[in-house]
Amino acid sequence: MDLAELVEELLKQRTDLPVCRRPDETVSKNIHQTFRKFVTDAGLITCPRTNQNRTLYSRRHTYATFALLNDGMDIHALAIQMGSSIGMIERHYSHLTPRLKKNMLTDKRYEFSEDEWEETDGKSS
């Protein structure tokens, strides 16, 4: 059974087990309040760049940004995964394009490391 089939099977079971628990093993009735308390206690409620309070929904933006920048996910796959349109992803994340394409834009993709250069005896191919 692959992962997609496993997830589908679990969804069919409609199990009412909680996804998140507090450290004392109790279950929150309001995930938004739990999130707010968590980031407040951690000193992370206010974003230093925007000076706005973080919300549970802001985690979606964090995920999308990390998926694009750190995981190299393309916008098409991200749109499908997030249940959004490609246009919406482009509107909200196109400012990341220079960072995503930095090697291509700065021609770094054609630079050799010192070891690679020595392996080629300094000859270009």
PDB file of N, CA and C in Angstrom:
ATOM      1  N   MET A   1       0.867  -1.187   0.000  1.00  0.00           N
ATOM      2  CA  MET A   1       0.000   0.000   0.000  1.00  0.00           C
ATOM      3  C   MET A   1       0.905   1.238   0.000  1.00  0.00           C
ATOM      4  N   ASP A   2       0.705   2.127  -0.975  1.00  0.00           N
ATOM      5  CA  ASP A   2       1.513   3.343  -1.015  1.00  0.00           C
ATOM      6  C   ASP A   2       0.910   4.405  -0.081  1.00  0.00           C
ATOM      7  N   LEU A   3       1.611   5.510   0.064  1.00  0.00           N
ATOM      8  CA  LEU A   3       1.199   6.563   1.006  1.00  0.00           C
ATOM      9  C   LEU A   3      -0.175   7.129   0.673  1.00  0.00           C
ATOM     10  N   ALA A   4      -0.449   7.361  -0.596  1.00  0.00           N
ATOM     11  CA  ALA A   4      -1.749   7.913  -0.997  1.00  0.00           C
ATOM     12  C   ALA A   4      -2.882   6.977  -0.614  1.00  0.00           C
ATOM     13  N   GLU A   5      -2.676   5.688  -0.813  1.00  0.00           N
ATOM     14  CA  GLU A   5      -3.698   4.708  -0.441  1.00  0.00           C
ATOM     15  C   GLU A   5      -3.890   4.652   1.069  1.00  0.00           C
ATOM     16  N   LEU A   6      -2.790   4.756   1.805  1.00  0.00           N
ATOM     17  CA  LEU A   6      -2.865   4.750   3.267  1.00  0.00           C
ATOM     18  C   LEU A   6      -3.646   5.949   3.782  1.00  0.00           C
ATOM     19  N   VAL A   7      -3.342   7.116   3.243  1.00  0.00           N
ATOM     20  CA  VAL A   7      -4.061   8.332   3.643  1.00  0.00           C
ATOM     21  C   VAL A   7      -5.541   8.201   3.315  1.00  0.00           C
ATOM     22  N   GLU A   8      -5.842   7.711   2.136  1.00  0.00           N
ATOM     23  CA  GLU A   8      -7.238   7.523   1.725  1.00  0.00           C
ATOM     24  C   GLU A   8      -7.960   6.573   2.677  1.00  0.00           C
ATOM     25  N   GLU A   9      -7.297   5.491   3.043  1.00  0.00           N
ATOM     26  CA  GLU A   9      -7.888   4.518   3.966  1.00  0.00           C
ATOM     27  C   GLU A   9      -8.136   5.146   5.340  1.00  0.00           C
ATOM     28  N   LEU A  10      -7.201   5.923   5.823  1.00  0.00           N
ATOM     29  CA  LEU A  10      -7.368   6.591   7.122  1.00  0.00           C
ATOM     30  C   LEU A  10      -8.512   7.600   7.085  1.00  0.00           C
ATOM     31  N   LEU A  11      -8.642   8.312   5.974  1.00  0.00           N
ATOM     32  CA  LEU A  11      -9.734   9.279   5.845  1.00  0.00           C
ATOM     33  C   LEU A  11     -11.089   8.581   5.833  1.00  0.00           C
ATOM     34  N   LYS A  12     -11.159   7.420   5.219  1.00  0.00           N
ATOM     35  CA  LYS A  12     -12.412   6.667   5.183  1.00  0.00           C
ATOM     36  C   LYS A  12     -12.841   6.211   6.571  1.00  0.00           C
ATOM     37  N   GLN A  13     -11.872   5.968   7.459  1.00  0.00           N
ATOM     38  CA  GLN A  13     -12.181   5.505   8.807  1.00  0.00           C
ATOM     39  C   GLN A  13     -12.813   6.601   9.669  1.00  0.00           C
ATOM     40  N   ARG A  14     -12.598   7.867   9.276  1.00  0.00           N
ATOM     41  CA  ARG A  14     -13.152   9.013  10.009  1.00  0.00           C
ATOM     42  C   ARG A  14     -12.897   8.928  11.510  1.00  0.00           C
ATOM     43  N   THR A  15     -11.676   8.602  11.853  1.00  0.00           N
ATOM     44  CA  THR A  15     -11.272   8.502  13.249  1.00  0.00           C
ATOM     45  C   THR A  15     -11.272   9.879  13.890  1.00  0.00           C
ATOM     46  N   ASP A  16     -11.801   9.971  15.083  1.00  0.00           N
ATOM     47  CA  ASP A  16     -11.875  11.249  15.780  1.00  0.00           C
ATOM     48  C   ASP A  16     -10.708  11.457  16.742  1.00  0.00           C
ATOM     49  N   LEU A  17      -9.548  10.954  16.400  1.00  0.00           N
ATOM     50  CA  LEU A  17      -8.384  11.156  17.247  1.00  0.00           C
ATOM     51  C   LEU A  17      -7.820  12.552  17.001  1.00  0.00           C
ATOM     52  N   PRO A  18      -7.369  13.229  18.058  1.00  0.00           N
ATOM     53  CA  PRO A  18      -6.830  14.573  17.890  1.00  0.00           C
ATOM     54  C   PRO A  18      -5.496  14.576  17.155  1.00  0.00           C
ATOM     55  N   VAL A  19      -5.285  15.620  16.399  1.00  0.00           N
ATOM     56  CA  VAL A  19      -4.026  15.781  15.674  1.00  0.00           C
ATOM     57  C   VAL A  19      -2.978  16.413  16.583  1.00  0.00           C
ATOM     58  N   CYS A  20      -3.386  17.372  17.401  1.00  0.00           N
ATOM     59  CA  CYS A  20      -2.468  18.095  18.285  1.00  0.00           C
ATOM     60  C   CYS A  20      -2.909  17.932  19.735  1.00  0.00           C
ATOM     61  N   ARG A  21      -1.919  17.791  20.600  1.00  0.00           N
ATOM     62  CA  ARG A  21      -2.182  17.742  22.042  1.00  0.00           C
ATOM     63  C   ARG A  21      -1.268  18.734  22.738  1.00  0.00           C
ATOM     64  N   ARG A  22      -1.715  19.214  23.888  1.00  0.00           N
ATOM     65  CA  ARG A  22      -0.888  20.076  24.724  1.00  0.00           C
ATOM     66  C   ARG A  22       0.152  19.216  25.430  1.00  0.00           C
ATOM     67  N   PRO A  23       1.175  19.856  26.006  1.00  0.00           N
ATOM     68  CA  PRO A  23       2.192  19.081  26.744  1.00  0.00           C
ATOM     69  C   PRO A  23       1.601  18.221  27.866  1.00  0.00           C
ATOM     70  N   ASP A  24       0.478  18.657  28.448  1.00  0.00           N
ATOM     71  CA  ASP A  24      -0.147  17.880  29.530  1.00  0.00           C
ATOM     72  C   ASP A  24      -1.098  16.805  28.991  1.00  0.00           C
ATOM     73  N   GLU A  25      -1.062  16.568  27.660  1.00  0.00           N
ATOM     74  CA  GLU A  25      -1.860  15.544  26.982  1.00  0.00           C
ATOM     75  C   GLU A  25      -3.337  15.907  26.809  1.00  0.00           C
ATOM     76  N   THR A  26      -3.751  17.102  27.233  1.00  0.00           N
ATOM     77  CA  THR A  26      -5.130  17.513  26.995  1.00  0.00           C
ATOM     78  C   THR A  26      -5.255  17.971  25.549  1.00  0.00           C
ATOM     79  N   VAL A  27      -6.472  18.031  25.070  1.00  0.00           N
ATOM     80  CA  VAL A  27      -6.737  18.409  23.689  1.00  0.00           C
ATOM     81  C   VAL A  27      -7.415  19.768  23.668  1.00  0.00           C
ATOM     82  N   SER A  28      -6.961  20.624  22.797  1.00  0.00           N
ATOM     83  CA  SER A  28      -7.537  21.958  22.670  1.00  0.00           C
ATOM     84  C   SER A  28      -8.868  21.892  21.924  1.00  0.00           C
ATOM     85  N   LYS A  29      -9.799  22.689  22.358  1.00  0.00           N
ATOM     86  CA  LYS A  29     -11.077  22.817  21.648  1.00  0.00           C
ATOM     87  C   LYS A  29     -10.981  23.911  20.577  1.00  0.00           C
ATOM     88  N   ASN A  30      -9.943  24.754  20.674  1.00  0.00           N
ATOM     89  CA  ASN A  30      -9.786  25.859  19.737  1.00  0.00           C
ATOM     90  C   ASN A  30      -8.317  25.946  19.322  1.00  0.00           C
ATOM     91  N   ILE A  31      -8.005  25.402  18.170  1.00  0.00           N
ATOM     92  CA  ILE A  31      -6.624  25.351  17.700  1.00  0.00           C
ATOM     93  C   ILE A  31      -6.035  26.749  17.483  1.00  0.00           C
ATOM     94  N   HIS A  32      -6.867  27.729  17.150  1.00  0.00           N
ATOM     95  CA  HIS A  32      -6.372  29.093  16.951  1.00  0.00           C
ATOM     96  C   HIS A  32      -5.865  29.680  18.265  1.00  0.00           C
ATOM     97  N   GLN A  33      -6.595  29.457  19.350  1.00  0.00           N
ATOM     98  CA  GLN A  33      -6.142  29.943  20.662  1.00  0.00           C
ATOM     99  C   GLN A  33      -4.889  29.207  21.111  1.00  0.00           C
ATOM    100  N   THR A  34      -4.839  27.925  20.858  1.00  0.00           N
ATOM    101  CA  THR A  34      -3.662  27.139  21.227  1.00  0.00           C
ATOM    102  C   THR A  34      -2.437  27.643  20.472  1.00  0.00           C
ATOM    103  N   PHE A  35      -2.594  27.883  19.180  1.00  0.00           N
ATOM    104  CA  PHE A  35      -1.489  28.404  18.378  1.00  0.00           C
ATOM    105  C   PHE A  35      -1.040  29.765  18.908  1.00  0.00           C
ATOM    106  N   ARG A  36      -2.002  30.655  19.165  1.00  0.00           N
ATOM    107  CA  ARG A  36      -1.686  31.988  19.664  1.00  0.00           C
ATOM    108  C   ARG A  36      -0.904  31.909  20.976  1.00  0.00           C
ATOM    109  N   LYS A  37      -1.339  31.049  21.876  1.00  0.00           N
ATOM    110  CA  LYS A  37      -0.647  30.888  23.160  1.00  0.00           C
ATOM    111  C   LYS A  37       0.766  30.355  22.941  1.00  0.00           C
ATOM    112  N   PHE A  38       0.896  29.375  22.073  1.00  0.00           N
ATOM    113  CA  PHE A  38       2.206  28.788  21.791  1.00  0.00           C
ATOM    114  C   PHE A  38       3.193  29.835  21.274  1.00  0.00           C
ATOM    115  N   VAL A  39       2.803  30.605  20.249  1.00  0.00           N
ATOM    116  CA  VAL A  39       3.744  31.588  19.689  1.00  0.00           C
ATOM    117  C   VAL A  39       3.977  32.751  20.643  1.00  0.00           C
ATOM    118  N   THR A  40       2.980  33.073  21.461  1.00  0.00           N
ATOM    119  CA  THR A  40       3.163  34.127  22.464  1.00  0.00           C
ATOM    120  C   THR A  40       4.170  33.665  23.512  1.00  0.00           C
ATOM    121  N   ASP A  41       3.968  32.459  24.031  1.00  0.00           N
ATOM    122  CA  ASP A  41       4.886  31.915  25.040  1.00  0.00           C
ATOM    123  C   ASP A  41       6.306  31.778  24.507  1.00  0.00           C
ATOM    124  N   ALA A  42       6.435  31.502  23.219  1.00  0.00           N
ATOM    125  CA  ALA A  42       7.753  31.351  22.596  1.00  0.00           C
ATOM    126  C   ALA A  42       8.364  32.689  22.189  1.00  0.00           C
ATOM    127  N   GLY A  43       7.604  33.783  22.391  1.00  0.00           N
ATOM    128  CA  GLY A  43       8.103  35.101  22.008  1.00  0.00           C
ATOM    129  C   GLY A  43       8.107  35.331  20.508  1.00  0.00           C
ATOM    130  N   LEU A  44       7.247  34.607  19.797  1.00  0.00           N
ATOM    131  CA  LEU A  44       7.223  34.686  18.330  1.00  0.00           C
ATOM    132  C   LEU A  44       5.923  35.235  17.774  1.00  0.00           C
ATOM    133  N   ILE A  45       5.073  35.779  18.617  1.00  0.00           N
ATOM    134  CA  ILE A  45       3.755  36.222  18.149  1.00  0.00           C
ATOM    135  C   ILE A  45       3.859  37.331  17.112  1.00  0.00           C
ATOM    136  N   THR A  46       4.793  38.250  17.281  1.00  0.00           N
ATOM    137  CA  THR A  46       4.905  39.375  16.356  1.00  0.00           C
ATOM    138  C   THR A  46       6.070  39.160  15.402  1.00  0.00           C
ATOM    139  N   CYS A  47       5.787  39.273  14.126  1.00  0.00           N
ATOM    140  CA  CYS A  47       6.823  39.154  13.102  1.00  0.00           C
ATOM    141  C   CYS A  47       7.673  40.422  13.132  1.00  0.00           C
ATOM    142  N   PRO A  48       8.981  40.301  13.316  1.00  0.00           N
ATOM    143  CA  PRO A  48       9.820  41.504  13.388  1.00  0.00           C
ATOM    144  C   PRO A  48       9.905  42.274  12.073  1.00  0.00           C
ATOM    145  N   ARG A  49       9.693  41.591  10.954  1.00  0.00           N
ATOM    146  CA  ARG A  49       9.775  42.256   9.654  1.00  0.00           C
ATOM    147  C   ARG A  49       8.525  43.059   9.349  1.00  0.00           C
ATOM    148  N   THR A  50       7.342  42.477   9.631  1.00  0.00           N
ATOM    149  CA  THR A  50       6.085  43.147   9.284  1.00  0.00           C
ATOM    150  C   THR A  50       5.426  43.825  10.471  1.00  0.00           C
ATOM    151  N   ASN A  51       5.878  43.486  11.677  1.00  0.00           N
ATOM    152  CA  ASN A  51       5.299  43.998  12.922  1.00  0.00           C
ATOM    153  C   ASN A  51       3.827  43.597  13.072  1.00  0.00           C
ATOM    154  N   GLN A  52       3.432  42.508  12.439  1.00  0.00           N
ATOM    155  CA  GLN A  52       2.072  41.987  12.546  1.00  0.00           C
ATOM    156  C   GLN A  52       2.097  40.695  13.357  1.00  0.00           C
ATOM    157  N   ASN A  53       0.988  40.424  14.037  1.00  0.00           N
ATOM    158  CA  ASN A  53       0.896  39.187  14.789  1.00  0.00           C
ATOM    159  C   ASN A  53       0.727  38.002  13.853  1.00  0.00           C
ATOM    160  N   ARG A  54       1.401  36.931  14.173  1.00  0.00           N
ATOM    161  CA  ARG A  54       1.279  35.707  13.395  1.00  0.00           C
ATOM    162  C   ARG A  54      -0.051  35.035  13.728  1.00  0.00           C
ATOM    163  N   THR A  55      -0.605  34.367  12.737  1.00  0.00           N
ATOM    164  CA  THR A  55      -1.849  33.627  12.912  1.00  0.00           C
ATOM    165  C   THR A  55      -1.615  32.192  12.476  1.00  0.00           C
ATOM    166  N   LEU A  56      -2.548  31.330  12.793  1.00  0.00           N
ATOM    167  CA  LEU A  56      -2.437  29.953  12.349  1.00  0.00           C
ATOM    168  C   LEU A  56      -2.361  29.901  10.822  1.00  0.00           C
ATOM    169  N   TYR A  57      -3.098  30.766  10.150  1.00  0.00           N
ATOM    170  CA  TYR A  57      -3.086  30.796   8.690  1.00  0.00           C
ATOM    171  C   TYR A  57      -1.714  31.207   8.148  1.00  0.00           C
ATOM    172  N   SER A  58      -0.961  31.991   8.925  1.00  0.00           N
ATOM    173  CA  SER A  58       0.360  32.419   8.458  1.00  0.00           C
ATOM    174  C   SER A  58       1.308  31.235   8.290  1.00  0.00           C
ATOM    175  N   ARG A  59       1.014  30.114   8.927  1.00  0.00           N
ATOM    176  CA  ARG A  59       1.815  28.902   8.755  1.00  0.00           C
ATOM    177  C   ARG A  59       1.737  28.416   7.306  1.00  0.00           C
ATOM    178  N   ARG A  60       0.618  28.665   6.650  1.00  0.00           N
ATOM    179  CA  ARG A  60       0.468  28.275   5.248  1.00  0.00           C
ATOM    180  C   ARG A  60       1.470  29.041   4.384  1.00  0.00           C
ATOM    181  N   HIS A  61       1.607  30.333   4.664  1.00  0.00           N
ATOM    182  CA  HIS A  61       2.562  31.162   3.929  1.00  0.00           C
ATOM    183  C   HIS A  61       3.997  30.681   4.204  1.00  0.00           C
ATOM    184  N   THR A  62       4.278  30.367   5.457  1.00  0.00           N
ATOM    185  CA  THR A  62       5.606  29.866   5.810  1.00  0.00           C
ATOM    186  C   THR A  62       5.905  28.582   5.056  1.00  0.00           C
ATOM    187  N   TYR A  63       4.937  27.681   5.032  1.00  0.00           N
ATOM    188  CA  TYR A  63       5.131  26.421   4.315  1.00  0.00           C
ATOM    189  C   TYR A  63       5.424  26.677   2.834  1.00  0.00           C
ATOM    190  N   ALA A  64       4.629  27.525   2.203  1.00  0.00           N
ATOM    191  CA  ALA A  64       4.802  27.798   0.776  1.00  0.00           C
ATOM    192  C   ALA A  64       6.178  28.400   0.500  1.00  0.00           C
ATOM    193  N   THR A  65       6.586  29.342   1.326  1.00  0.00           N
ATOM    194  CA  THR A  65       7.892  29.985   1.147  1.00  0.00           C
ATOM    195  C   THR A  65       9.020  28.974   1.290  1.00  0.00           C
ATOM    196  N   PHE A  66       8.964  28.152   2.343  1.00  0.00           N
ATOM    197  CA  PHE A  66      10.007  27.147   2.554  1.00  0.00           C
ATOM    198  C   PHE A  66      10.013  26.113   1.429  1.00  0.00           C
ATOM    199  N   ALA A  67       8.831  25.714   0.968  1.00  0.00           N
ATOM    200  CA  ALA A  67       8.752  24.722  -0.103  1.00  0.00           C
ATOM    201  C   ALA A  67       9.426  25.254  -1.368  1.00  0.00           C
ATOM    202  N   LEU A  68       9.211  26.512  -1.669  1.00  0.00           N
ATOM    203  CA  LEU A  68       9.817  27.107  -2.861  1.00  0.00           C
ATOM    204  C   LEU A  68      11.314  27.332  -2.690  1.00  0.00           C
ATOM    205  N   LEU A  69      11.715  27.941  -1.581  1.00  0.00           N
ATOM    206  CA  LEU A  69      13.115  28.317  -1.399  1.00  0.00           C
ATOM    207  C   LEU A  69      14.008  27.171  -0.935  1.00  0.00           C
ATOM    208  N   ASN A  70      13.547  26.400   0.019  1.00  0.00           N
ATOM    209  CA  ASN A  70      14.410  25.377   0.609  1.00  0.00           C
ATOM    210  C   ASN A  70      14.293  24.023  -0.075  1.00  0.00           C
ATOM    211  N   ASP A  71      13.093  23.684  -0.517  1.00  0.00           N
ATOM    212  CA  ASP A  71      12.885  22.369  -1.109  1.00  0.00           C
ATOM    213  C   ASP A  71      12.954  22.385  -2.633  1.00  0.00           C
ATOM    214  N   GLY A  72      12.976  23.574  -3.223  1.00  0.00           N
ATOM    215  CA  GLY A  72      13.047  23.672  -4.672  1.00  0.00           C
ATOM    216  C   GLY A  72      11.778  23.250  -5.377  1.00  0.00           C
ATOM    217  N   MET A  73      10.646  23.259  -4.663  1.00  0.00           N
ATOM    218  CA  MET A  73       9.385  22.873  -5.287  1.00  0.00           C
ATOM    219  C   MET A  73       8.997  23.919  -6.328  1.00  0.00           C
ATOM    220  N   ASP A  74       8.500  23.482  -7.465  1.00  0.00           N
ATOM    221  CA  ASP A  74       8.070  24.448  -8.475  1.00  0.00           C
ATOM    222  C   ASP A  74       6.650  24.912  -8.171  1.00  0.00           C
ATOM    223  N   ILE A  75       6.286  26.070  -8.728  1.00  0.00           N
ATOM    224  CA  ILE A  75       4.990  26.671  -8.393  1.00  0.00           C
ATOM    225  C   ILE A  75       3.812  25.812  -8.842  1.00  0.00           C
ATOM    226  N   HIS A  76       3.989  25.039  -9.883  1.00  0.00           N
ATOM    227  CA  HIS A  76       2.901  24.186 -10.363  1.00  0.00           C
ATOM    228  C   HIS A  76       2.575  23.101  -9.341  1.00  0.00           C
ATOM    229  N   ALA A  77       3.613  22.436  -8.836  1.00  0.00           N
ATOM    230  CA  ALA A  77       3.413  21.393  -7.828  1.00  0.00           C
ATOM    231  C   ALA A  77       2.869  21.993  -6.543  1.00  0.00           C
ATOM    232  N   LEU A  78       3.378  23.160  -6.164  1.00  0.00           N
ATOM    233  CA  LEU A  78       2.915  23.817  -4.944  1.00  0.00           C
ATOM    234  C   LEU A  78       1.437  24.191  -5.057  1.00  0.00           C
ATOM    235  N   ALA A  79       1.035  24.692  -6.202  1.00  0.00           N
ATOM    236  CA  ALA A  79      -0.369  25.063  -6.404  1.00  0.00           C
ATOM    237  C   ALA A  79      -1.279  23.847  -6.252  1.00  0.00           C
ATOM    238  N   ILE A  80      -0.873  22.735  -6.829  1.00  0.00           N
ATOM    239  CA  ILE A  80      -1.672  21.514  -6.714  1.00  0.00           C
ATOM    240  C   ILE A  80      -1.725  21.060  -5.259  1.00  0.00           C
ATOM    241  N   GLN A  81      -0.578  21.039  -4.605  1.00  0.00           N
ATOM    242  CA  GLN A  81      -0.525  20.565  -3.229  1.00  0.00           C
ATOM    243  C   GLN A  81      -1.342  21.430  -2.279  1.00  0.00           C
ATOM    244  N   MET A  82      -1.332  22.737  -2.513  1.00  0.00           N
ATOM    245  CA  MET A  82      -2.031  23.653  -1.617  1.00  0.00           C
ATOM    246  C   MET A  82      -3.483  23.891  -2.029  1.00  0.00           C
ATOM    247  N   GLY A  83      -3.902  23.282  -3.138  1.00  0.00           N
ATOM    248  CA  GLY A  83      -5.277  23.465  -3.588  1.00  0.00           C
ATOM    249  C   GLY A  83      -5.542  24.879  -4.042  1.00  0.00           C
ATOM    250  N   SER A  84      -4.568  25.455  -4.697  1.00  0.00           N
ATOM    251  CA  SER A  84      -4.648  26.850  -5.145  1.00  0.00           C
ATOM    252  C   SER A  84      -4.360  26.896  -6.640  1.00  0.00           C
ATOM    253  N   SER A  85      -4.561  28.049  -7.230  1.00  0.00           N
ATOM    254  CA  SER A  85      -4.239  28.185  -8.652  1.00  0.00           C
ATOM    255  C   SER A  85      -2.781  28.610  -8.812  1.00  0.00           C
ATOM    256  N   ILE A  86      -2.236  28.310  -9.971  1.00  0.00           N
ATOM    257  CA  ILE A  86      -0.871  28.731 -10.279  1.00  0.00           C
ATOM    258  C   ILE A  86      -0.786  30.251 -10.239  1.00  0.00           C
ATOM    259  N   GLY A  87      -1.823  30.918 -10.762  1.00  0.00           N
ATOM    260  CA  GLY A  87      -1.852  32.383 -10.751  1.00  0.00           C
ATOM    261  C   GLY A  87      -1.788  32.951  -9.345  1.00  0.00           C
ATOM    262  N   MET A  88      -2.500  32.330  -8.409  1.00  0.00           N
ATOM    263  CA  MET A  88      -2.486  32.798  -7.026  1.00  0.00           C
ATOM    264  C   MET A  88      -1.089  32.619  -6.421  1.00  0.00           C
ATOM    265  N   ILE A  89      -0.473  31.486  -6.668  1.00  0.00           N
ATOM    266  CA  ILE A  89       0.888  31.254  -6.161  1.00  0.00           C
ATOM    267  C   ILE A  89       1.831  32.279  -6.767  1.00  0.00           C
ATOM    268  N   GLU A  90       1.732  32.522  -8.069  1.00  0.00           N
ATOM    269  CA  GLU A  90       2.600  33.511  -8.722  1.00  0.00           C
ATOM    270  C   GLU A  90       2.385  34.905  -8.141  1.00  0.00           C
ATOM    271  N   ARG A  91       1.127  35.288  -7.904  1.00  0.00           N
ATOM    272  CA  ARG A  91       0.847  36.616  -7.345  1.00  0.00           C
ATOM    273  C   ARG A  91       1.472  36.805  -5.968  1.00  0.00           C
ATOM    274  N   HIS A  92       1.390  35.765  -5.155  1.00  0.00           N
ATOM    275  CA  HIS A  92       1.859  35.901  -3.775  1.00  0.00           C
ATOM    276  C   HIS A  92       3.344  35.599  -3.591  1.00  0.00           C
ATOM    277  N   TYR A  93       3.940  34.845  -4.500  1.00  0.00           N
ATOM    278  CA  TYR A  93       5.317  34.406  -4.283  1.00  0.00           C
ATOM    279  C   TYR A  93       6.275  34.765  -5.416  1.00  0.00           C
ATOM    280  N   SER A  94       5.830  35.554  -6.398  1.00  0.00           N
ATOM    281  CA  SER A  94       6.723  35.912  -7.511  1.00  0.00           C
ATOM    282  C   SER A  94       7.913  36.740  -7.038  1.00  0.00           C
ATOM    283  N   HIS A  95       7.783  37.411  -5.901  1.00  0.00           N
ATOM    284  CA  HIS A  95       8.913  38.187  -5.376  1.00  0.00           C
ATOM    285  C   HIS A  95      10.087  37.277  -4.998  1.00  0.00           C
ATOM    286  N   LEU A  96       9.842  35.979  -4.888  1.00  0.00           N
ATOM    287  CA  LEU A  96      10.904  35.032  -4.561  1.00  0.00           C
ATOM    288  C   LEU A  96      11.684  34.581  -5.795  1.00  0.00           C
ATOM    289  N   THR A  97      11.187  34.882  -6.981  1.00  0.00           N
ATOM    290  CA  THR A  97      11.806  34.410  -8.221  1.00  0.00           C
ATOM    291  C   THR A  97      13.292  34.741  -8.310  1.00  0.00           C
ATOM    292  N   PRO A  98      13.720  35.969  -8.005  1.00  0.00           N
ATOM    293  CA  PRO A  98      15.166  36.237  -8.079  1.00  0.00           C
ATOM    294  C   PRO A  98      15.985  35.318  -7.168  1.00  0.00           C
ATOM    295  N   ARG A  99      15.475  35.016  -5.991  1.00  0.00           N
ATOM    296  CA  ARG A  99      16.193  34.104  -5.091  1.00  0.00           C
ATOM    297  C   ARG A  99      16.173  32.680  -5.628  1.00  0.00           C
ATOM    298  N   LEU A 100      15.050  32.276  -6.228  1.00  0.00           N
ATOM    299  CA  LEU A 100      14.958  30.936  -6.775  1.00  0.00           C
ATOM    300  C   LEU A 100      15.871  30.758  -7.984  1.00  0.00           C
ATOM    301  N   LYS A 101      16.051  31.822  -8.722  1.00  0.00           N
ATOM    302  CA  LYS A 101      16.818  31.764  -9.964  1.00  0.00           C
ATOM    303  C   LYS A 101      18.202  32.389  -9.823  1.00  0.00           C
ATOM    304  N   LYS A 102      18.685  32.583  -8.590  1.00  0.00           N
ATOM    305  CA  LYS A 102      19.935  33.315  -8.398  1.00  0.00           C
ATOM    306  C   LYS A 102      21.113  32.699  -9.138  1.00  0.00           C
ATOM    307  N   ASN A 103      21.223  31.370  -9.118  1.00  0.00           N
ATOM    308  CA  ASN A 103      22.343  30.752  -9.822  1.00  0.00           C
ATOM    309  C   ASN A 103      22.262  30.974 -11.315  1.00  0.00           C
ATOM    310  N   MET A 104      21.066  30.894 -11.873  1.00  0.00           N
ATOM    311  CA  MET A 104      20.905  31.117 -13.295  1.00  0.00           C
ATOM    312  C   MET A 104      21.168  32.581 -13.638  1.00  0.00           C
ATOM    313  N   LEU A 105      20.646  33.498 -12.817  1.00  0.00           N
ATOM    314  CA  LEU A 105      20.782  34.923 -13.101  1.00  0.00           C
ATOM    315  C   LEU A 105      22.200  35.432 -12.884  1.00  0.00           C
ATOM    316  N   THR A 106      22.958  34.808 -11.978  1.00  0.00           N
ATOM    317  CA  THR A 106      24.322  35.251 -11.702  1.00  0.00           C
ATOM    318  C   THR A 106      25.359  34.390 -12.398  1.00  0.00           C
ATOM    319  N   ASP A 107      24.910  33.412 -13.174  1.00  0.00           N
ATOM    320  CA  ASP A 107      25.775  32.510 -13.927  1.00  0.00           C
ATOM    321  C   ASP A 107      26.609  31.623 -13.018  1.00  0.00           C
ATOM    322  N   LYS A 108      26.202  31.461 -11.753  1.00  0.00           N
ATOM    323  CA  LYS A 108      26.937  30.633 -10.802  1.00  0.00           C
ATOM    324  C   LYS A 108      26.848  29.150 -11.167  1.00  0.00           C
ATOM    325  N   ARG A 109      25.835  28.775 -11.912  1.00  0.00           N
ATOM    326  CA  ARG A 109      25.673  27.354 -12.225  1.00  0.00           C
ATOM    327  C   ARG A 109      26.798  26.832 -13.100  1.00  0.00           C
ATOM    328  N   TYR A 110      27.591  27.719 -13.730  1.00  0.00           N
ATOM    329  CA  TYR A 110      28.672  27.284 -14.598  1.00  0.00           C
ATOM    330  C   TYR A 110      30.036  27.399 -13.932  1.00  0.00           C
ATOM    331  N   GLU A 111      30.073  27.831 -12.672  1.00  0.00           N
ATOM    332  CA  GLU A 111      31.355  27.953 -11.988  1.00  0.00           C
ATOM    333  C   GLU A 111      31.783  26.604 -11.438  1.00  0.00           C
ATOM    334  N   PHE A 112      33.067  26.338 -11.538  1.00  0.00           N
ATOM    335  CA  PHE A 112      33.632  25.123 -10.967  1.00  0.00           C
ATOM    336  C   PHE A 112      34.132  25.409  -9.562  1.00  0.00           C
ATOM    337  N   SER A 113      34.057  24.394  -8.695  1.00  0.00           N
ATOM    338  CA  SER A 113      34.746  24.496  -7.416  1.00  0.00           C
ATOM    339  C   SER A 113      36.224  24.306  -7.709  1.00  0.00           C
ATOM    340  N   GLU A 114      37.080  24.586  -6.738  1.00  0.00           N
ATOM    341  CA  GLU A 114      38.519  24.435  -6.949  1.00  0.00           C
ATOM    342  C   GLU A 114      38.861  22.987  -7.307  1.00  0.00           C
ATOM    343  N   ASP A 115      38.231  22.037  -6.619  1.00  0.00           N
ATOM    344  CA  ASP A 115      38.489  20.622  -6.899  1.00  0.00           C
ATOM    345  C   ASP A 115      38.032  20.239  -8.307  1.00  0.00           C
ATOM    346  N   GLU A 116      36.855  20.721  -8.694  1.00  0.00           N
ATOM    347  CA  GLU A 116      36.359  20.422 -10.045  1.00  0.00           C
ATOM    348  C   GLU A 116      37.284  21.012 -11.106  1.00  0.00           C
ATOM    349  N   TRP A 117      37.801  22.208 -10.844  1.00  0.00           N
ATOM    350  CA  TRP A 117      38.689  22.875 -11.791  1.00  0.00           C
ATOM    351  C   TRP A 117      39.981  22.080 -11.954  1.00  0.00           C
ATOM    352  N   GLU A 118      40.520  21.581 -10.822  1.00  0.00           N
ATOM    353  CA  GLU A 118      41.751  20.786 -10.890  1.00  0.00           C
ATOM    354  C   GLU A 118      41.520  19.478 -11.625  1.00  0.00           C
ATOM    355  N   GLU A 119      40.332  18.872 -11.474  1.00  0.00           N
ATOM    356  CA  GLU A 119      40.007  17.619 -12.164  1.00  0.00           C
ATOM    357  C   GLU A 119      40.000  17.808 -13.672  1.00  0.00           C
ATOM    358  N   THR A 120      39.660  18.998 -14.134  1.00  0.00           N
ATOM    359  CA  THR A 120      39.631  19.251 -15.574  1.00  0.00           C
ATOM    360  C   THR A 120      40.966  19.775 -16.078  1.00  0.00           C
ATOM    361  N   ASP A 121      41.969  19.849 -15.183  1.00  0.00           N
ATOM    362  CA  ASP A 121      43.292  20.394 -15.510  1.00  0.00           C
ATOM    363  C   ASP A 121      43.191  21.826 -16.015  1.00  0.00           C
ATOM    364  N   GLY A 122      42.166  22.530 -15.538  1.00  0.00           N
ATOM    365  CA  GLY A 122      42.017  23.923 -15.934  1.00  0.00           C
ATOM    366  C   GLY A 122      41.531  24.100 -17.339  1.00  0.00           C
ATOM    367  N   LYS A 123      41.098  23.020 -17.982  1.00  0.00           N
ATOM    368  CA  LYS A 123      40.623  23.114 -19.355  1.00  0.00           C
ATOM    369  C   LYS A 123      39.108  23.280 -19.341  1.00  0.00           C
ATOM    370  N   SER A 124      38.599  24.101 -20.211  1.00  0.00           N
ATOM    371  CA  SER A 124      37.146  24.209 -20.341  1.00  0.00           C
ATOM    372  C   SER A 124      36.689  23.203 -21.374  1.00  0.00           C
ATOM    373  N   SER A 125      35.490  22.677 -21.188  1.00  0.00           N
ATOM    374  CA  SER A 125      34.989  21.679 -22.134  1.00  0.00           C
ATOM    375  C   SER A 125      34.129  22.279 -23.173  1.00  0.00           C
TER     376      SER A 125
END
